[in-house]
Protein backbone atom coordinates (compact mmCIF):
# COMPACT_ATOMS: atom_id res chain seq x y z
CA MET A 1 0.02 0.03 0.03
CA LYS A 2 1.41 3.42 -0.81
CA MET A 3 -0.25 5.26 2.11
CA LYS A 4 1.39 2.93 4.71
CA THR A 5 4.61 3.64 2.52
CA TYR A 6 4.53 7.32 2.39
CA THR A 7 2.40 8.53 5.05
CA PRO A 8 5.22 8.10 7.76
CA PRO A 9 7.84 10.07 6.45
CA VAL A 10 5.52 13.06 5.50
CA ALA A 11 4.08 12.54 9.10
CA ARG A 12 7.71 12.83 10.53
CA ALA A 13 8.46 15.58 8.49
CA LEU A 14 5.68 17.87 9.63
CA LEU A 15 6.16 16.55 13.17
CA GLY A 16 9.36 17.48 13.36
CA LEU A 17 9.85 20.59 11.48
CA ILE A 18 7.97 22.96 14.19
CA PHE A 19 10.65 21.99 16.56
CA VAL A 20 13.71 22.36 14.32
CA ALA A 21 11.89 26.10 13.23
CA SER A 22 11.52 26.65 17.04
CA GLY A 23 15.34 25.78 17.72
CA ALA A 24 16.54 27.91 14.97
CA ASN A 25 14.34 30.67 16.00
CA LYS A 26 15.44 30.34 19.51
CA VAL A 27 19.20 30.86 17.95
CA ALA A 28 18.69 33.92 15.52
CA ALA A 29 16.84 35.67 18.84
CA PHE A 30 18.87 34.40 21.92
CA GLU A 31 18.51 37.62 23.60
CA GLY A 32 14.89 38.07 22.98
CA THR A 33 14.11 34.27 24.00
CA GLN A 34 16.03 34.79 27.50
CA GLN A 35 14.30 38.01 28.19
CA TYR A 36 10.72 36.52 27.43
CA MET A 37 12.33 33.08 29.72
CA ALA A 38 13.08 35.74 32.69
CA GLU A 39 9.30 37.40 32.40
CA TYR A 40 8.07 34.23 33.66
CA GLY A 41 10.65 33.77 36.53
CA MET A 42 12.93 31.22 34.99
CA PRO A 43 16.24 31.37 36.41
CA ALA A 44 19.70 30.73 34.51
CA THR A 45 17.79 31.39 31.06
CA ALA A 46 21.16 31.07 29.19
CA LEU A 47 21.71 27.48 30.05
CA LEU A 48 18.18 26.52 29.78
CA LEU A 49 17.49 27.97 26.36
CA GLY A 50 20.83 26.32 25.21
CA GLY A 51 19.30 23.09 26.42
CA ALA A 52 15.92 24.12 24.74
CA ILE A 53 17.91 24.57 21.61
CA VAL A 54 19.61 21.25 21.57
CA VAL A 55 16.52 19.27 22.64
CA GLU A 56 14.26 20.61 20.02
CA VAL A 57 16.67 20.53 17.13
CA ALA A 58 18.43 17.23 17.57
CA GLY A 59 14.59 15.82 18.87
CA GLY A 60 13.24 17.24 15.46
CA LEU A 61 15.80 15.88 13.26
CA SER A 62 15.56 12.54 14.95
CA VAL A 63 11.77 12.64 14.35
CA ILE A 64 12.15 13.89 10.43
CA LEU A 65 14.85 11.72 9.78
CA GLY A 66 13.63 8.81 11.67
CA TYR A 67 17.21 7.87 13.61
CA LYS A 68 16.84 6.93 17.05
CA SER A 69 12.87 8.41 16.87
CA ARG A 70 11.57 6.98 19.59
CA ILE A 71 14.37 8.69 21.83
CA GLY A 72 13.72 11.87 20.10
CA ALA A 73 10.16 11.62 20.32
CA ALA A 74 10.62 10.93 24.07
CA ALA A 75 12.81 13.74 24.94
CA LEU A 76 10.88 16.40 22.81
CA ILE A 77 7.38 15.25 25.07
CA LEU A 78 9.74 15.99 28.31
CA PHE A 79 10.63 19.02 26.95
CA LEU A 80 6.96 20.08 26.13
CA ILE A 81 5.58 19.10 29.59
CA PRO A 82 7.27 21.84 31.07
CA ALA A 83 7.41 24.22 28.18
CA THR A 84 3.54 23.84 28.06
CA LEU A 85 3.05 24.29 31.57
CA ILE A 86 5.16 27.77 32.25
CA PHE A 87 4.48 29.36 29.07
CA HIS A 88 0.76 28.47 27.92
CA THR A 89 -1.37 28.20 30.95
CA ASP A 90 -3.01 31.62 30.77
CA PHE A 91 -6.40 30.05 29.76
CA SER A 92 -8.08 33.82 29.92
CA GLN A 93 -6.05 34.07 26.43
CA GLN A 94 -7.82 32.50 23.29
CA THR A 95 -4.11 32.20 22.12
CA GLN A 96 -3.01 30.39 25.00
CA VAL A 97 -5.30 28.22 25.23
CA ILE A 98 -4.81 27.06 21.41
CA MET A 99 -1.01 26.94 22.18
CA PHE A 100 -1.34 24.70 24.97
CA LEU A 101 -3.89 22.40 22.95
CA LYS A 102 -1.65 22.60 19.76
CA ASN A 103 1.15 21.10 22.52
CA LEU A 104 -0.94 18.55 23.54
CA SER A 105 -1.63 17.27 20.34
CA ILE A 106 1.90 17.26 19.27
CA MET A 107 2.69 15.22 22.09
CA GLY A 108 -0.05 12.90 20.65
CA GLY A 109 1.42 12.42 17.61
CA LEU A 110 4.96 12.01 19.29
CA LEU A 111 3.15 9.19 21.74
CA LEU A 112 2.23 7.36 18.50
CA LEU A 113 5.90 7.59 16.92
CA MET A 114 7.00 5.79 20.10
CA ALA A 115 4.44 3.27 19.99
CA HIS A 116 4.36 2.48 16.26
CA GLY A 117 8.53 3.48 15.38
CA PRO A 118 9.13 5.74 12.38
CA GLY A 119 8.19 3.25 10.02
CA PRO A 120 9.74 3.21 5.91
CA TYR A 121 12.36 5.61 4.75
CA SER A 122 13.88 6.46 8.09
CA LEU A 123 17.49 5.99 9.24
CA ARG A 124 16.44 3.64 11.71
CA PRO A 125 19.22 0.97 12.55
CA GLY A 126 18.62 -2.32 13.25
CA GLY A 127 16.30 -3.25 10.22
CA ASP A 128 12.58 -3.28 10.98
CA ARG A 129 12.19 -2.75 14.64
CA GLY A 130 11.90 1.00 14.66
CA SER A 131 14.17 3.09 16.76
């Protein structure tokens, strides 16, 4: 079936793209992002921002390429949980409600990837076991 062949790599690309783009944006606007984080009372913003960039870019590429994608998906979920709870819980603002729900939806996609593996056209080691 062509759908089973081509859907997983397209889905991985769509799922991982937001993280790679977000990490790249954080690099481009490092100081502004640090200020934004500080407004939420976060300590050690340079260290935490550097970690966020690494997790987003490495995790996003892992998902897109299908290489160690279960580990990448787990890392992204562990990143999304505090990010969502810190930055997107002002439910008096409709935009924040949407961002909160978007992050939950992304976590759902990442959980599916963890459960079913990367599928075809992935760089997974070890054949069809999925990584």
